[in-house]
Amino acid sequence: MSNSLSRTETLSLFSLFAACVGIIANTFHGDGEPLIASIAFSGIAFASTYALIRWLGDVFIRAGLKGKDMSKRNSPVIPETMGAVCAVVYLLIIIVFIPFPFYKDIVVATSGGGNRDFIIKAEQVETGRFLHRFPHSKLASYLSAILSLQSVVILGLGDDLFDIRWRHKLLIPAFASIPMLIVYFVDFGVTQIVVPKFLRPYFGELLNLGWLYYAYMASIGIFCPNSINILAGINGLEVSQSIVIALLLILNDLLYVLPISPSAPPHPATDSHFFSLYLLLPFLGTSLALWTQNWYPAKVFVGDTYCYFAGMVFAVVGIQGHFSKTLLLLLIPQIANFLYSAPQLFQVVPCPRHRLPRFNARTGFLEPSTADFTQKPLRPLVEVVVKMLGKIKLLQIEEDEKGKVIRSSNFTIINLWLVWFGPMREDRLAMGLLGMQIACGLLGLWVRHSLALLVFTADNWSLGIPRS
């Protein structure tokens, strides 16, 4: 990978950077226009991430942060852990962005700040500010999101540097979830859920889960980062699936943010979805820059840091934006992959150190990788289940002359795709999996906003639509 930018790249990135700075400067002429500012910051994030990845490639290799791309004939050595660059740029962008969502509140809350004709009583003033007007709870949510993301990036870097084993790193994101859960408890604290219509005769309309609700949110904080990390291993897949999920979440946010009609009042959940957009748009900018370097044939590897970071972004917007159920519907492939991988993750079936598809140098195609059971035979009941999965084409198994299972394809959706559709080139495999991600995501949004009405009396989105 060249560590310098071409003349065309330099001019394009500089033009994008300058245009975005100009847009941001212009937002101060109004009320701050935080959404426009966020879009502009996303452009800056893209330009900065793209340039830094190119400049730092050789630096990472010299520092030992490198790996062999085993799915290529010559196994080239390329920089690893480049997701850390993406994560650091993102964190700096959302930190600099902090004043923009609160610009209007800061101007109004500060004496003399564009509010000179507003007449107040002397007892309303406290040390020169109208403190009761400032949305401290929103600021706390935003800062706790940043703290959670910073924590998971640090933990992800530790995983990349020290190669922590699966059973140990599974709970790493739990520590990063603590700040946002504390702020949720202090500022929101709702632990009730709406009961489906057919269960209301038994539990009522609302059911208070208490501490179980916090356990559920912590589980989302643990699952999302690990789910991206488990569904990984081929060029571009980690970043591409994250971009698709982010775009689907942005589409869901726009359903609430964009007015249904000019006369329609703002949706009650508008602020929550603006909060989501402020976090997702810069993430999209940095991820697109990383994608240009990680797509087949990859020039860099993203590392575990990016997987943790991307998953925690989704967990934060789902929890703080109060649409965790919608988030889970967009993660159907990740949930399916986790359930399918569980026998190996929890050592019910022997699990090799790496479960990446096997590269066939003769054909240039990827084939399902296998787990070997000759050294550690399967338990009788487990073997029966494995054979059944083989018969229904959910596994590719190999038996010895005695009928004992001695080998099977590894338990990941990536390998299952190859079992179903046969060996294929790496980019075709990635595109097939992304097509599934898009289809499942769109289905999830349709279920959330259409079929949900069969189970609940109202959908959150429909609450903002005026009825005739």
Protein backbone atom coordinates (compact mmCIF):
# COMPACT_ATOMS: atom_id res chain seq x y z
CA MET A 1 0.00 0.00 0.00
CA SER A 2 1.35 3.42 -0.94
CA ASN A 3 1.82 5.64 2.10
CA SER A 4 1.36 8.85 0.13
CA LEU A 5 -1.68 10.38 -1.50
CA SER A 6 -1.85 11.00 -5.22
CA ARG A 7 -2.33 14.55 -6.48
CA THR A 8 -5.98 13.80 -7.31
CA GLU A 9 -6.62 12.31 -3.87
CA THR A 10 -4.95 15.26 -2.14
CA LEU A 11 -6.98 17.85 -4.05
CA SER A 12 -10.24 15.91 -3.57
CA LEU A 13 -9.75 15.43 0.16
CA PHE A 14 -8.62 19.03 0.68
CA SER A 15 -11.64 20.33 -1.26
CA LEU A 16 -13.98 18.17 0.80
CA PHE A 17 -12.31 19.25 4.04
CA ALA A 18 -12.45 22.97 3.11
CA ALA A 19 -16.09 22.78 1.98
CA CYS A 20 -17.11 21.09 5.24
CA VAL A 21 -15.27 23.68 7.34
CA GLY A 22 -17.10 26.41 5.42
CA ILE A 23 -20.47 24.75 6.03
CA ILE A 24 -19.72 24.43 9.76
CA ALA A 25 -18.71 28.09 10.00
CA ASN A 26 -21.94 29.10 8.26
CA THR A 27 -24.11 27.22 10.78
CA PHE A 28 -23.27 29.79 13.45
CA HIS A 29 -25.28 32.41 11.56
CA GLY A 30 -28.47 30.63 12.61
CA ASP A 31 -29.32 28.40 15.55
CA GLY A 32 -26.26 26.20 15.09
CA GLU A 33 -28.02 23.81 12.65
CA PRO A 34 -26.59 20.72 14.38
CA LEU A 35 -27.76 18.22 11.74
CA ILE A 36 -26.08 20.14 8.92
CA ALA A 37 -22.99 20.55 11.10
CA SER A 38 -22.99 16.80 11.79
CA ILE A 39 -23.09 16.04 8.05
CA ALA A 40 -20.18 18.43 7.51
CA PHE A 41 -18.22 16.87 10.37
CA SER A 42 -18.84 13.49 8.71
CA GLY A 43 -17.13 14.80 5.58
CA ILE A 44 -14.16 15.94 7.68
CA ALA A 45 -14.10 12.53 9.35
CA PHE A 46 -13.96 10.81 5.96
CA ALA A 47 -11.14 13.01 4.65
CA SER A 48 -9.11 12.74 7.85
CA THR A 49 -9.51 8.97 8.19
CA TYR A 50 -8.68 8.30 4.55
CA ALA A 51 -5.49 10.39 4.70
CA LEU A 52 -4.33 9.03 8.06
CA ILE A 53 -4.79 5.39 7.01
CA ARG A 54 -2.61 5.99 3.97
CA TRP A 55 0.04 7.93 5.90
CA LEU A 56 0.24 5.55 8.87
CA GLY A 57 0.33 2.20 7.04
CA ASP A 58 4.11 1.82 7.09
CA VAL A 59 4.28 3.15 10.65
CA PHE A 60 1.96 0.37 11.83
CA ILE A 61 3.99 -2.28 9.99
CA ARG A 62 7.25 -1.07 11.57
CA ALA A 63 5.53 -1.18 14.97
CA GLY A 64 4.64 -4.84 14.41
CA LEU A 65 0.93 -4.17 13.81
CA LYS A 66 0.71 -6.24 10.66
CA GLY A 67 -0.74 -9.51 9.42
CA LYS A 68 -0.73 -11.86 6.45
CA ASP A 69 -3.77 -12.00 4.21
CA MET A 70 -4.10 -15.79 4.10
CA SER A 71 -6.84 -15.66 1.44
CA LYS A 72 -4.42 -14.53 -1.27
CA ARG A 73 -1.92 -16.61 -3.25
CA ASN A 74 1.14 -14.63 -2.15
CA SER A 75 -0.16 -13.98 1.42
CA PRO A 76 0.79 -10.27 1.39
CA VAL A 77 1.70 -8.56 4.67
CA ILE A 78 -0.50 -5.52 5.30
CA PRO A 79 -1.09 -3.12 8.22
CA GLU A 80 -3.42 -4.33 10.96
CA THR A 81 -5.51 -2.56 13.64
CA MET A 82 -6.35 0.30 11.26
CA GLY A 83 -9.77 0.42 12.86
CA ALA A 84 -8.03 2.21 15.73
CA VAL A 85 -7.34 5.17 13.39
CA CYS A 86 -11.01 5.21 12.42
CA ALA A 87 -12.09 5.09 16.08
CA VAL A 88 -9.74 7.87 17.23
CA VAL A 89 -10.82 10.21 14.42
CA TYR A 90 -14.47 9.48 15.26
CA LEU A 91 -13.97 10.22 18.96
CA LEU A 92 -12.21 13.52 18.21
CA ILE A 93 -14.98 14.52 15.80
CA ILE A 94 -17.86 13.86 18.22
CA ILE A 95 -15.96 15.64 21.01
CA VAL A 96 -15.47 18.75 18.85
CA PHE A 97 -19.14 18.47 17.86
CA ILE A 98 -20.36 18.75 21.49
CA PRO A 99 -21.30 22.49 21.38
CA PHE A 100 -23.39 22.19 18.21
CA PRO A 101 -26.44 20.22 19.48
CA PHE A 102 -26.57 22.61 22.44
CA TYR A 103 -25.67 25.84 20.62
CA LYS A 104 -29.18 27.25 20.81
CA ASP A 105 -29.46 26.30 24.48
CA ILE A 106 -26.07 27.81 25.26
CA VAL A 107 -27.00 31.09 23.56
CA VAL A 108 -30.35 31.27 25.37
CA ALA A 109 -28.96 30.10 28.70
CA THR A 110 -26.08 32.59 28.72
CA SER A 111 -26.94 36.12 29.73
CA GLY A 112 -26.56 38.52 26.83
CA GLY A 113 -26.00 35.73 24.28
CA GLY A 114 -28.37 36.84 21.54
CA ASN A 115 -31.23 37.08 24.02
CA ARG A 116 -30.96 40.76 24.96
CA ASP A 117 -34.62 41.59 24.49
CA PHE A 118 -35.80 38.81 26.81
CA ILE A 119 -37.08 40.30 30.06
CA ILE A 120 -36.62 38.24 33.21
CA LYS A 121 -36.94 38.72 36.91
CA ALA A 122 -33.83 39.09 39.00
CA GLU A 123 -34.54 35.95 41.06
CA GLN A 124 -34.40 33.85 37.88
CA VAL A 125 -30.74 34.65 37.35
CA GLU A 126 -28.08 32.52 38.99
CA THR A 127 -24.43 33.49 38.43
CA GLY A 128 -25.25 35.00 35.07
CA ARG A 129 -26.98 31.94 33.58
CA PHE A 130 -30.51 30.56 33.32
CA LEU A 131 -29.41 27.12 34.44
CA HIS A 132 -32.94 25.73 34.49
CA ARG A 133 -33.17 26.20 30.73
CA PHE A 134 -30.15 24.09 29.77
CA PRO A 135 -30.90 20.40 28.90
CA HIS A 136 -28.39 18.85 31.28
CA SER A 137 -29.86 15.38 30.83
CA LYS A 138 -29.21 15.47 27.08
CA LEU A 139 -25.65 16.62 27.64
CA ALA A 140 -25.13 13.84 30.20
CA SER A 141 -26.40 11.25 27.71
CA TYR A 142 -24.06 12.55 25.01
CA LEU A 143 -21.05 12.61 27.33
CA SER A 144 -21.79 9.14 28.68
CA ALA A 145 -21.96 7.88 25.08
CA ILE A 146 -18.51 9.33 24.43
CA LEU A 147 -17.16 7.79 27.63
CA SER A 148 -18.56 4.35 26.74
CA LEU A 149 -17.08 4.56 23.25
CA GLN A 150 -13.69 5.69 24.57
CA SER A 151 -13.69 2.78 27.02
CA VAL A 152 -14.47 0.17 24.38
CA VAL A 153 -11.77 1.55 22.05
CA ILE A 154 -9.18 1.21 24.82
CA LEU A 155 -10.33 -2.33 25.55
CA GLY A 156 -10.35 -3.17 21.84
CA LEU A 157 -6.77 -1.95 21.48
CA GLY A 158 -5.84 -4.23 24.38
CA ASP A 159 -7.37 -7.15 22.50
CA ASP A 160 -5.46 -6.30 19.31
CA LEU A 161 -2.17 -5.94 21.18
CA PHE A 162 -2.46 -8.94 23.51
CA ASP A 163 -4.73 -11.28 21.50
CA ILE A 164 -7.15 -12.03 24.35
CA ARG A 165 -8.93 -15.39 24.16
CA TRP A 166 -12.64 -15.54 23.27
CA ARG A 167 -13.89 -16.67 26.65
CA HIS A 168 -12.12 -13.72 28.28
CA LYS A 169 -12.93 -10.97 25.81
CA LEU A 170 -16.63 -11.86 25.57
CA LEU A 171 -17.39 -9.63 28.56
CA ILE A 172 -15.00 -6.79 27.66
CA PRO A 173 -17.82 -4.49 26.39
CA ALA A 174 -19.68 -4.87 29.72
CA PHE A 175 -17.22 -2.48 31.36
CA ALA A 176 -17.72 0.09 28.60
CA SER A 177 -21.52 -0.08 29.05
CA ILE A 178 -21.40 1.12 32.67
CA PRO A 179 -21.33 4.92 31.98
CA MET A 180 -24.40 4.96 29.74
CA LEU A 181 -26.34 2.61 32.04
CA ILE A 182 -25.67 4.89 35.02
CA VAL A 183 -26.83 7.96 33.10
CA TYR A 184 -29.91 6.05 31.91
CA PHE A 185 -30.71 5.18 35.54
CA VAL A 186 -30.25 8.78 36.75
CA ASP A 187 -31.91 10.71 33.92
CA PHE A 188 -34.48 8.32 32.42
CA GLY A 189 -34.90 5.31 34.65
CA VAL A 190 -37.87 3.76 32.81
CA THR A 191 -37.85 -0.02 33.26
CA GLN A 192 -41.38 -0.71 32.04
CA ILE A 193 -42.16 -2.45 28.78
CA VAL A 194 -45.37 -2.46 26.74
CA VAL A 195 -47.02 -5.87 26.94
CA PRO A 196 -48.30 -7.48 23.70
CA LYS A 197 -52.07 -7.46 23.34
CA PHE A 198 -52.51 -11.21 23.79
CA LEU A 199 -50.66 -11.15 27.15
CA ARG A 200 -52.40 -8.12 28.66
CA PRO A 201 -55.11 -10.12 30.44
CA TYR A 202 -52.31 -11.71 32.49
CA PHE A 203 -49.72 -8.90 32.93
CA GLY A 204 -51.58 -5.67 32.21
CA GLU A 205 -50.65 -3.00 29.67
CA LEU A 206 -47.22 -2.26 31.19
CA LEU A 207 -44.80 -4.62 32.92
CA ASN A 208 -42.06 -3.31 35.21
CA LEU A 209 -38.90 -5.40 34.76
CA GLY A 210 -36.83 -3.51 37.33
CA TRP A 211 -33.18 -4.60 37.40
CA LEU A 212 -33.87 -7.14 34.63
CA TYR A 213 -34.25 -4.23 32.22
CA TYR A 214 -30.72 -3.05 33.05
CA ALA A 215 -29.47 -6.60 32.57
CA TYR A 216 -31.15 -6.59 29.15
CA MET A 217 -29.45 -3.29 28.19
CA ALA A 218 -26.09 -4.55 29.46
CA SER A 219 -26.60 -7.66 27.33
CA ILE A 220 -27.10 -5.47 24.26
CA GLY A 221 -23.90 -3.61 25.16
CA ILE A 222 -22.07 -6.95 25.32
CA PHE A 223 -23.70 -8.55 22.28
CA CYS A 224 -23.39 -5.77 19.68
CA PRO A 225 -19.57 -5.41 19.74
CA ASN A 226 -19.01 -9.16 19.88
CA SER A 227 -21.54 -9.84 17.13
CA ILE A 228 -19.55 -7.75 14.64
CA ASN A 229 -16.35 -9.45 15.79
CA ILE A 230 -17.77 -12.96 15.31
CA LEU A 231 -19.13 -12.30 11.80
CA ALA A 232 -15.74 -11.37 10.36
CA GLY A 233 -12.65 -12.72 8.67
CA ILE A 234 -12.89 -11.86 4.97
CA ASN A 235 -11.92 -8.63 3.23
CA GLY A 236 -14.38 -5.81 3.84
CA LEU A 237 -17.02 -7.77 5.74
CA GLU A 238 -16.65 -6.12 9.16
CA VAL A 239 -16.79 -2.57 7.77
CA SER A 240 -19.42 -3.31 5.12
CA GLN A 241 -21.90 -4.88 7.53
CA SER A 242 -21.38 -1.95 9.91
CA ILE A 243 -22.05 0.55 7.10
CA VAL A 244 -25.24 -1.30 6.12
CA ILE A 245 -26.49 -1.36 9.74
CA ALA A 246 -25.65 2.34 10.17
CA LEU A 247 -27.54 3.25 6.98
CA LEU A 248 -30.58 1.26 8.10
CA LEU A 249 -30.50 2.98 11.49
CA ILE A 250 -30.23 6.36 9.77
CA LEU A 251 -33.23 5.44 7.60
CA ASN A 252 -35.15 4.54 10.76
CA ASP A 253 -34.15 7.87 12.34
CA LEU A 254 -35.32 9.82 9.30
CA LEU A 255 -38.80 8.26 9.61
CA TYR A 256 -39.10 10.13 12.91
CA VAL A 257 -37.12 13.28 12.13
CA LEU A 258 -38.61 14.22 8.75
CA PRO A 259 -42.09 15.77 9.12
CA ILE A 260 -45.01 13.75 7.77
CA SER A 261 -46.66 16.98 6.67
CA PRO A 262 -45.83 20.69 7.08
CA SER A 263 -48.56 21.09 9.71
CA ALA A 264 -47.66 17.96 11.68
CA PRO A 265 -46.20 18.51 15.15
CA PRO A 266 -42.73 17.08 15.90
CA HIS A 267 -42.74 13.41 16.86
CA PRO A 268 -42.25 12.84 20.64
CA ALA A 269 -39.13 10.79 19.86
CA THR A 270 -37.54 13.41 17.58
CA ASP A 271 -34.78 14.40 20.03
CA SER A 272 -33.76 10.77 20.59
CA HIS A 273 -33.42 10.18 16.87
CA PHE A 274 -31.47 13.40 16.36
CA PHE A 275 -29.12 12.11 19.07
CA SER A 276 -28.78 8.90 17.08
CA LEU A 277 -28.02 10.78 13.86
CA TYR A 278 -25.34 12.90 15.55
CA LEU A 279 -23.49 9.69 16.47
CA LEU A 280 -24.16 7.68 13.30
CA LEU A 281 -23.27 10.25 10.62
CA PRO A 282 -19.61 10.71 11.68
CA PHE A 283 -19.37 6.93 12.15
CA LEU A 284 -20.53 6.52 8.56
CA GLY A 285 -17.89 9.00 7.37
CA THR A 286 -14.99 7.25 9.09
CA SER A 287 -16.24 3.78 8.13
CA LEU A 288 -16.56 4.66 4.44
CA ALA A 289 -12.95 5.85 4.43
CA LEU A 290 -11.83 2.61 6.08
CA TRP A 291 -13.96 0.59 3.64
CA THR A 292 -12.09 2.02 0.64
CA GLN A 293 -8.89 0.48 2.02
CA ASN A 294 -10.35 -2.74 3.45
CA TRP A 295 -12.54 -3.96 0.57
CA TYR A 296 -11.21 -6.78 -1.59
CA PRO A 297 -8.29 -6.89 -2.21
CA ALA A 298 -7.66 -5.39 1.22
CA LYS A 299 -4.79 -2.95 1.71
CA VAL A 300 -5.32 -2.89 5.50
CA PHE A 301 -6.95 -5.02 8.21
CA VAL A 302 -9.43 -3.36 10.57
CA GLY A 303 -8.56 -5.31 13.74
CA ASP A 304 -10.76 -6.12 16.72
CA THR A 305 -10.75 -2.46 17.80
CA TYR A 306 -13.05 -1.51 14.93
CA CYS A 307 -15.44 -4.40 15.62
CA TYR A 308 -15.83 -3.41 19.29
CA PHE A 309 -16.07 0.27 18.42
CA ALA A 310 -18.68 -0.22 15.67
CA GLY A 311 -20.81 -2.53 17.80
CA MET A 312 -20.71 -0.13 20.74
CA VAL A 313 -21.85 2.76 18.51
CA PHE A 314 -24.93 0.70 17.65
CA ALA A 315 -25.49 -0.27 21.30
CA VAL A 316 -25.21 3.36 22.44
CA VAL A 317 -27.68 4.74 19.89
CA GLY A 318 -30.09 1.85 20.52
CA ILE A 319 -30.07 2.27 24.30
CA GLN A 320 -29.78 6.06 24.57
CA GLY A 321 -32.15 6.56 21.64
CA HIS A 322 -34.68 4.17 23.23
CA PHE A 323 -35.12 1.87 20.20
CA SER A 324 -33.22 -1.23 21.26
CA LYS A 325 -35.90 -3.56 19.83
CA THR A 326 -35.53 -1.94 16.41
CA LEU A 327 -31.75 -2.34 16.68
CA LEU A 328 -32.09 -6.07 17.35
CA LEU A 329 -34.33 -6.45 14.28
CA LEU A 330 -31.52 -4.94 12.18
CA LEU A 331 -29.04 -7.42 13.65
CA ILE A 332 -30.85 -10.59 12.54
CA PRO A 333 -27.80 -12.00 10.67
CA GLN A 334 -25.56 -11.27 13.67
CA ILE A 335 -28.02 -12.92 16.06
CA ALA A 336 -28.33 -15.95 13.77
CA ASN A 337 -24.53 -16.18 13.47
CA PHE A 338 -24.14 -16.03 17.25
CA LEU A 339 -26.70 -18.77 17.82
CA TYR A 340 -25.16 -20.89 15.07
CA SER A 341 -21.64 -20.31 16.52
CA ALA A 342 -22.66 -20.93 20.13
CA PRO A 343 -21.71 -24.66 20.21
CA GLN A 344 -18.12 -23.78 19.35
CA LEU A 345 -17.98 -20.54 21.34
CA PHE A 346 -19.06 -22.36 24.50
CA GLN A 347 -16.89 -25.42 23.79
CA VAL A 348 -19.77 -27.87 23.27
CA VAL A 349 -18.00 -28.67 20.00
CA PRO A 350 -14.19 -28.31 19.66
CA CYS A 351 -13.33 -24.85 18.32
CA PRO A 352 -10.11 -24.10 16.41
CA ARG A 353 -8.23 -20.86 17.07
CA HIS A 354 -9.42 -19.40 13.76
CA ARG A 355 -12.54 -20.31 11.83
CA LEU A 356 -11.86 -18.37 8.63
CA PRO A 357 -12.77 -20.02 5.33
CA ARG A 358 -9.93 -22.06 3.80
CA PHE A 359 -8.24 -20.59 0.72
CA ASN A 360 -7.64 -22.97 -2.17
CA ALA A 361 -4.52 -21.63 -3.92
CA ARG A 362 -5.17 -23.77 -7.00
CA THR A 363 -8.64 -22.37 -7.74
CA GLY A 364 -8.36 -19.02 -5.98
CA PHE A 365 -11.68 -19.73 -4.21
CA LEU A 366 -12.62 -19.88 -0.56
CA GLU A 367 -13.94 -23.17 0.83
CA PRO A 368 -15.52 -24.03 4.20
CA SER A 369 -12.91 -24.44 6.94
CA THR A 370 -13.27 -27.45 9.22
CA ALA A 371 -13.02 -28.47 12.86
CA ASP A 372 -11.26 -31.77 13.52
CA PHE A 373 -12.72 -34.20 16.08
CA THR A 374 -10.14 -37.02 15.87
CA GLN A 375 -8.18 -35.85 18.92
CA LYS A 376 -11.28 -34.92 20.93
CA PRO A 377 -14.29 -37.02 19.80
CA LEU A 378 -17.79 -35.61 20.10
CA ARG A 379 -20.03 -36.71 22.95
CA PRO A 380 -22.75 -39.15 21.79
CA LEU A 381 -25.66 -36.70 22.07
CA VAL A 382 -23.66 -33.90 20.41
CA GLU A 383 -22.70 -36.25 17.59
CA VAL A 384 -26.36 -37.11 16.96
CA VAL A 385 -27.19 -33.40 16.66
CA VAL A 386 -24.19 -32.75 14.37
CA LYS A 387 -25.27 -35.59 12.07
CA MET A 388 -28.80 -34.20 11.96
CA LEU A 389 -27.44 -30.75 11.04
CA GLY A 390 -25.41 -32.40 8.31
CA LYS A 391 -28.50 -34.08 6.85
CA ILE A 392 -30.40 -30.79 6.62
CA LYS A 393 -27.39 -29.03 5.04
CA LEU A 394 -26.60 -26.80 8.02
CA LEU A 395 -23.18 -28.42 8.28
CA GLN A 396 -20.77 -30.23 6.01
CA ILE A 397 -19.61 -33.34 7.88
CA GLU A 398 -17.14 -36.14 7.27
CA GLU A 399 -17.46 -39.58 8.83
CA ASP A 400 -15.00 -42.47 9.21
CA GLU A 401 -15.66 -46.10 8.24
CA LYS A 402 -17.40 -46.66 11.60
CA GLY A 403 -19.87 -43.83 11.06
CA LYS A 404 -18.18 -41.53 13.58
CA VAL A 405 -18.09 -37.81 12.74
CA ILE A 406 -14.40 -36.90 12.47
CA ARG A 407 -14.71 -33.49 10.84
CA SER A 408 -17.28 -30.78 10.16
CA SER A 409 -17.39 -27.30 8.72
CA ASN A 410 -16.94 -24.58 11.32
CA PHE A 411 -20.05 -23.11 12.87
CA THR A 412 -20.17 -19.65 11.23
CA ILE A 413 -22.57 -18.19 8.69
CA ILE A 414 -19.59 -17.45 6.44
CA ASN A 415 -18.75 -21.15 6.22
CA LEU A 416 -22.44 -22.07 5.99
CA TRP A 417 -22.79 -19.78 2.96
CA LEU A 418 -19.97 -21.72 1.28
CA VAL A 419 -21.63 -25.02 2.23
CA TRP A 420 -24.86 -23.87 0.57
CA PHE A 421 -23.49 -22.15 -2.53
CA GLY A 422 -20.12 -23.82 -2.99
CA PRO A 423 -16.60 -22.37 -3.17
CA MET A 424 -16.39 -18.81 -4.46
CA ARG A 425 -14.10 -15.82 -4.67
CA GLU A 426 -13.72 -13.70 -1.55
CA ASP A 427 -15.44 -10.58 -2.90
CA ARG A 428 -18.43 -12.60 -4.16
CA LEU A 429 -18.77 -14.19 -0.74
CA ALA A 430 -18.71 -10.77 0.93
CA MET A 431 -21.30 -9.37 -1.49
CA GLY A 432 -23.60 -12.34 -0.89
CA LEU A 433 -23.43 -11.87 2.87
CA LEU A 434 -24.04 -8.12 2.50
CA GLY A 435 -27.06 -8.78 0.31
CA MET A 436 -28.43 -10.95 3.12
CA GLN A 437 -27.69 -8.17 5.64
CA ILE A 438 -29.57 -5.60 3.57
CA ALA A 439 -32.55 -7.89 2.97
CA CYS A 440 -32.81 -8.85 6.65
CA GLY A 441 -32.46 -5.21 7.72
CA LEU A 442 -35.22 -3.98 5.43
CA LEU A 443 -37.40 -6.87 6.58
CA GLY A 444 -36.68 -5.88 10.18
CA LEU A 445 -37.77 -2.28 9.56
CA TRP A 446 -40.94 -3.49 7.86
CA VAL A 447 -41.71 -5.81 10.78
CA ARG A 448 -41.04 -3.01 13.27
CA HIS A 449 -43.31 -0.46 11.61
CA SER A 450 -45.99 -2.70 10.07
CA LEU A 451 -46.34 -6.13 11.66
CA ALA A 452 -45.76 -4.67 15.14
CA LEU A 453 -49.33 -3.35 14.99
CA LEU A 454 -50.58 -6.95 15.08
CA VAL A 455 -48.95 -7.40 18.50
CA PHE A 456 -49.13 -3.90 19.99
CA THR A 457 -51.89 -1.30 19.87
CA ALA A 458 -49.61 1.36 18.34
CA ASP A 459 -46.20 1.74 16.73
CA ASN A 460 -43.88 4.48 18.01
CA TRP A 461 -43.66 5.99 14.52
CA SER A 462 -47.45 6.12 14.15
CA LEU A 463 -47.72 8.24 17.31
CA GLY A 464 -46.34 11.18 15.37
CA ILE A 465 -48.76 10.84 12.43
CA PRO A 466 -51.84 13.03 12.75
CA ARG A 467 -55.10 11.10 12.53
CA SER A 468 -58.09 12.43 10.63
